[in-house]
């Protein structure tokens, strides 16, 4: 049975505008391959609470999607090995 999930992804701002757009599109395509995107919000540049990989700021993207139970772990695996992703969090929402 499909559940609703939210993914927050923090991208490295040193990629530049084109790199951030390309990486966001790549993540969106990965989610669309196995899930239904309910909303995708680009939250933009925000200051981090602490430095990550010598970065004080991060580019935030929030994706709400509906998927089967095994997809979120696959998405986390892909985000973990993707260059340019500083941090990510995927949680189940609702109910």
Protein backbone atom coordinates (compact mmCIF):
# COMPACT_ATOMS: atom_id res chain seq x y z
CA UNK A 1 0.00 0.00 0.00
CA UNK A 2 1.29 3.45 -0.91
CA UNK A 3 2.15 5.98 1.79
CA UNK A 4 2.96 9.69 1.77
CA UNK A 5 6.55 10.79 2.31
CA UNK A 6 8.50 14.03 2.58
CA UNK A 7 12.11 14.38 1.52
CA UNK A 8 14.20 17.39 2.49
CA UNK A 9 17.46 17.59 0.56
CA UNK A 10 20.26 20.09 1.26
CA UNK A 11 22.46 20.73 -1.76
CA UNK A 12 25.94 22.23 -1.93
CA UNK A 13 25.61 25.88 -3.06
CA UNK A 14 29.04 25.86 -4.75
CA UNK A 15 27.46 24.01 -7.68
CA UNK A 16 26.12 27.32 -9.01
CA UNK A 17 22.66 28.01 -10.39
CA UNK A 18 22.94 25.64 -13.35
CA UNK A 19 24.38 22.83 -11.23
CA UNK A 20 21.70 23.22 -8.56
CA UNK A 21 18.95 23.16 -11.20
CA UNK A 22 20.45 20.09 -12.86
CA UNK A 23 20.80 18.23 -9.56
CA UNK A 24 17.25 19.17 -8.52
CA UNK A 25 15.94 17.88 -11.86
CA UNK A 26 17.94 14.67 -11.44
CA UNK A 27 16.48 14.05 -7.97
CA UNK A 28 12.99 14.87 -9.26
CA UNK A 29 13.43 12.36 -12.11
CA UNK A 30 14.55 9.66 -9.66
CA UNK A 31 11.47 10.22 -7.49
CA UNK A 32 9.16 10.27 -10.54
CA UNK A 33 10.58 6.95 -11.74
CA UNK A 34 8.99 5.03 -8.84
CA UNK A 35 6.63 7.44 -7.07
CA UNK A 36 4.06 10.16 -7.61
CA UNK A 37 5.21 13.67 -6.72
CA UNK A 38 2.55 15.59 -4.79
CA UNK A 39 4.60 18.79 -4.56
CA UNK A 40 8.14 20.02 -5.10
CA UNK A 41 9.18 23.20 -3.31
CA UNK A 42 12.53 24.89 -3.79
CA UNK A 43 13.08 26.59 -0.44
CA UNK A 44 16.30 28.23 -1.64
CA UNK A 45 19.44 29.20 0.18
CA UNK A 46 19.41 29.03 3.99
CA UNK A 47 22.08 29.27 6.64
CA UNK A 48 23.04 25.94 8.21
CA UNK A 49 23.15 25.45 11.98
CA UNK A 50 26.72 24.15 11.64
CA UNK A 51 29.28 23.76 8.88
CA UNK A 52 28.95 20.77 6.58
CA UNK A 53 31.88 20.13 4.23
CA UNK A 54 33.13 23.69 4.93
CA UNK A 55 29.77 25.19 3.88
CA UNK A 56 27.81 27.65 6.05
CA UNK A 57 24.81 27.76 3.67
CA UNK A 58 22.75 25.13 1.91
CA UNK A 59 20.23 25.05 -0.94
CA UNK A 60 17.06 23.36 0.32
CA UNK A 61 14.59 21.34 -1.76
CA UNK A 62 11.44 19.73 -0.31
CA UNK A 63 9.62 16.95 -2.17
CA UNK A 64 6.32 15.46 -1.01
CA UNK A 65 5.57 12.18 -2.75
CA UNK A 66 3.48 9.02 -2.57
CA UNK A 67 5.25 5.68 -2.95
CA UNK A 68 5.35 2.06 -1.96
CA UNK A 69 7.24 1.17 1.23
CA UNK A 70 10.50 0.04 -0.38
CA UNK A 71 11.16 3.19 -2.45
CA UNK A 72 12.24 5.60 0.35
CA UNK A 73 15.21 3.40 1.27
CA UNK A 74 16.23 3.29 -2.41
CA UNK A 75 15.96 7.09 -2.61
CA UNK A 76 18.14 7.43 0.50
CA UNK A 77 20.73 5.11 -1.06
CA UNK A 78 20.86 7.23 -4.22
CA UNK A 79 21.04 10.53 -2.29
CA UNK A 80 23.84 9.14 -0.11
CA UNK A 81 26.09 8.52 -3.13
CA UNK A 82 25.13 11.64 -5.11
CA UNK A 83 27.81 14.32 -5.32
CA UNK A 84 26.50 17.73 -4.32
CA UNK A 85 24.06 16.47 -1.67
CA UNK A 86 25.16 17.71 1.76
CA UNK A 87 22.32 16.17 3.81
CA UNK A 88 18.91 14.59 3.31
CA UNK A 89 15.99 13.35 5.38
CA UNK A 90 13.12 11.18 4.16
CA UNK A 91 10.17 10.71 6.51
CA UNK A 92 6.70 9.18 6.26
CA UNK A 93 3.90 11.71 6.84
CA UNK A 94 0.21 11.46 7.60
CA UNK A 95 -1.91 8.95 9.46
